[in-house]
Amino acid sequence: MGLAKTEIFTDLQNEIAVIAKAFGHPARVAILQHLFKMDTCVCGDLVNEIGLAQPTISQHLKELKLLGLIKGNVEGTSVCYCIDGENWTKMKAIIMQFLDQDISKTDCC
């Protein structure tokens, strides 16, 4: 398999791609929506809420945590997750700046 060659792109381009990866699977979107809806740390009820197997949920949680969009705390034998507010705000600003670009030419093709 070839290399991603991420070093040839700007830091901002790489950051936007990483953020886009978080939304690249509907399970991660559903997890984020549930965490926002609950507005508190969620411990273990994601399997019932999302409808996927525990190992699958765990993989998506791990990915979201690596991307910095959620954080988790160990409470007894379970891990409780919530949105990382600081990183979420930063991510929103980056995405909004990217999406706020306008097309200057209307007669391109």
Protein backbone atom coordinates (compact mmCIF):
# COMPACT_ATOMS: atom_id res chain seq x y z
CA MET A 1 0.00 0.00 0.00
CA GLY A 2 1.27 3.49 -0.88
CA LEU A 3 2.16 6.22 1.55
CA ALA A 4 -0.34 9.00 2.23
CA LYS A 5 2.32 11.66 1.53
CA THR A 6 0.69 13.96 4.08
CA GLU A 7 3.94 15.92 4.37
CA ILE A 8 3.33 17.55 0.97
CA PHE A 9 0.15 19.21 2.27
CA THR A 10 -0.21 22.13 4.66
CA ASP A 11 -0.89 21.64 8.34
CA LEU A 12 -4.37 23.06 7.81
CA GLN A 13 -5.12 20.65 4.95
CA ASN A 14 -3.98 17.73 7.08
CA GLU A 15 -6.04 18.95 10.03
CA ILE A 16 -9.19 19.27 7.92
CA ALA A 17 -8.64 15.74 6.60
CA VAL A 18 -8.29 14.38 10.15
CA ILE A 19 -11.49 16.16 11.19
CA ALA A 20 -13.31 14.80 8.13
CA LYS A 21 -12.27 11.30 9.16
CA ALA A 22 -14.24 11.70 12.38
CA PHE A 23 -17.40 12.19 10.32
CA GLY A 24 -16.47 9.50 7.82
CA HIS A 25 -18.58 6.81 9.48
CA PRO A 26 -22.23 7.13 10.52
CA ALA A 27 -21.56 5.31 13.80
CA ARG A 28 -19.15 8.05 14.88
CA VAL A 29 -21.70 10.69 13.90
CA ALA A 30 -24.36 8.84 15.93
CA ILE A 31 -22.03 8.58 18.94
CA LEU A 32 -21.27 12.31 18.82
CA GLN A 33 -24.97 13.16 18.47
CA HIS A 34 -25.80 10.96 21.46
CA LEU A 35 -23.08 12.53 23.59
CA PHE A 36 -24.40 16.00 22.72
CA LYS A 37 -27.98 14.94 23.45
CA MET A 38 -27.05 13.54 26.85
CA ASP A 39 -24.93 16.61 27.70
CA THR A 40 -23.10 14.61 30.35
CA CYS A 41 -20.56 11.80 30.57
CA VAL A 42 -21.97 8.59 29.13
CA CYS A 43 -20.92 5.31 30.68
CA GLY A 44 -21.77 2.15 28.79
CA ASP A 45 -25.24 2.72 27.32
CA LEU A 46 -23.91 3.45 23.84
CA VAL A 47 -24.34 -0.17 22.73
CA ASN A 48 -28.08 -0.02 23.36
CA GLU A 49 -28.38 3.49 21.95
CA ILE A 50 -26.35 3.00 18.76
CA GLY A 51 -27.23 -0.63 18.12
CA LEU A 52 -23.77 -1.95 17.33
CA ALA A 53 -21.68 -4.56 19.15
CA GLN A 54 -19.49 -3.43 22.06
CA PRO A 55 -16.19 -4.05 20.23
CA THR A 56 -17.41 -1.94 17.28
CA ILE A 57 -18.53 0.89 19.57
CA SER A 58 -15.19 0.70 21.38
CA GLN A 59 -13.28 1.05 18.10
CA HIS A 60 -15.29 4.12 17.12
CA LEU A 61 -14.85 5.64 20.59
CA LYS A 62 -11.11 5.00 20.35
CA GLU A 63 -11.00 6.76 16.97
CA LEU A 64 -12.98 9.76 18.25
CA LYS A 65 -10.72 9.97 21.29
CA LEU A 66 -7.57 9.81 19.14
CA LEU A 67 -9.00 12.60 17.00
CA GLY A 68 -9.52 14.62 20.20
CA LEU A 69 -13.26 15.14 19.81
CA ILE A 70 -14.18 13.16 22.93
CA LYS A 71 -12.48 12.46 26.22
CA GLY A 72 -12.94 9.61 28.63
CA ASN A 73 -12.55 8.96 32.32
CA VAL A 74 -12.24 5.58 34.00
CA GLU A 75 -14.93 5.09 36.64
CA GLY A 76 -14.65 1.70 38.27
CA THR A 77 -14.78 -0.93 35.54
CA SER A 78 -16.21 1.34 32.86
CA VAL A 79 -15.02 4.31 30.86
CA CYS A 80 -17.25 7.37 30.68
CA TYR A 81 -17.11 9.56 27.57
CA CYS A 82 -18.09 13.14 26.80
CA ILE A 83 -17.41 15.76 24.13
CA ASP A 84 -14.08 17.56 24.53
CA GLY A 85 -15.46 21.11 24.44
CA GLU A 86 -12.18 22.87 23.74
CA ASN A 87 -11.26 20.62 20.82
CA TRP A 88 -14.84 20.69 19.50
CA THR A 89 -14.77 24.51 19.41
CA LYS A 90 -11.41 24.47 17.64
CA MET A 91 -12.66 21.91 15.13
CA LYS A 92 -15.79 23.96 14.41
CA ALA A 93 -13.72 27.07 13.69
CA ILE A 94 -11.47 25.19 11.26
CA ILE A 95 -14.38 23.58 9.42
CA MET A 96 -16.41 26.80 9.31
CA GLN A 97 -13.44 28.67 7.84
CA PHE A 98 -13.09 25.95 5.20
CA LEU A 99 -16.81 25.80 4.37
CA ASP A 100 -17.16 29.57 4.29
CA GLN A 101 -15.20 29.79 1.03
CA ASP A 102 -17.20 31.11 -1.90
CA ILE A 103 -16.89 30.35 -5.58
CA SER A 104 -15.75 33.49 -7.39
CA LYS A 105 -16.42 32.31 -10.96
CA THR A 106 -19.88 31.26 -12.03
CA ASP A 107 -19.11 30.39 -15.68
CA CYS A 108 -16.43 27.76 -15.18
CA CYS A 109 -17.76 24.73 -17.07
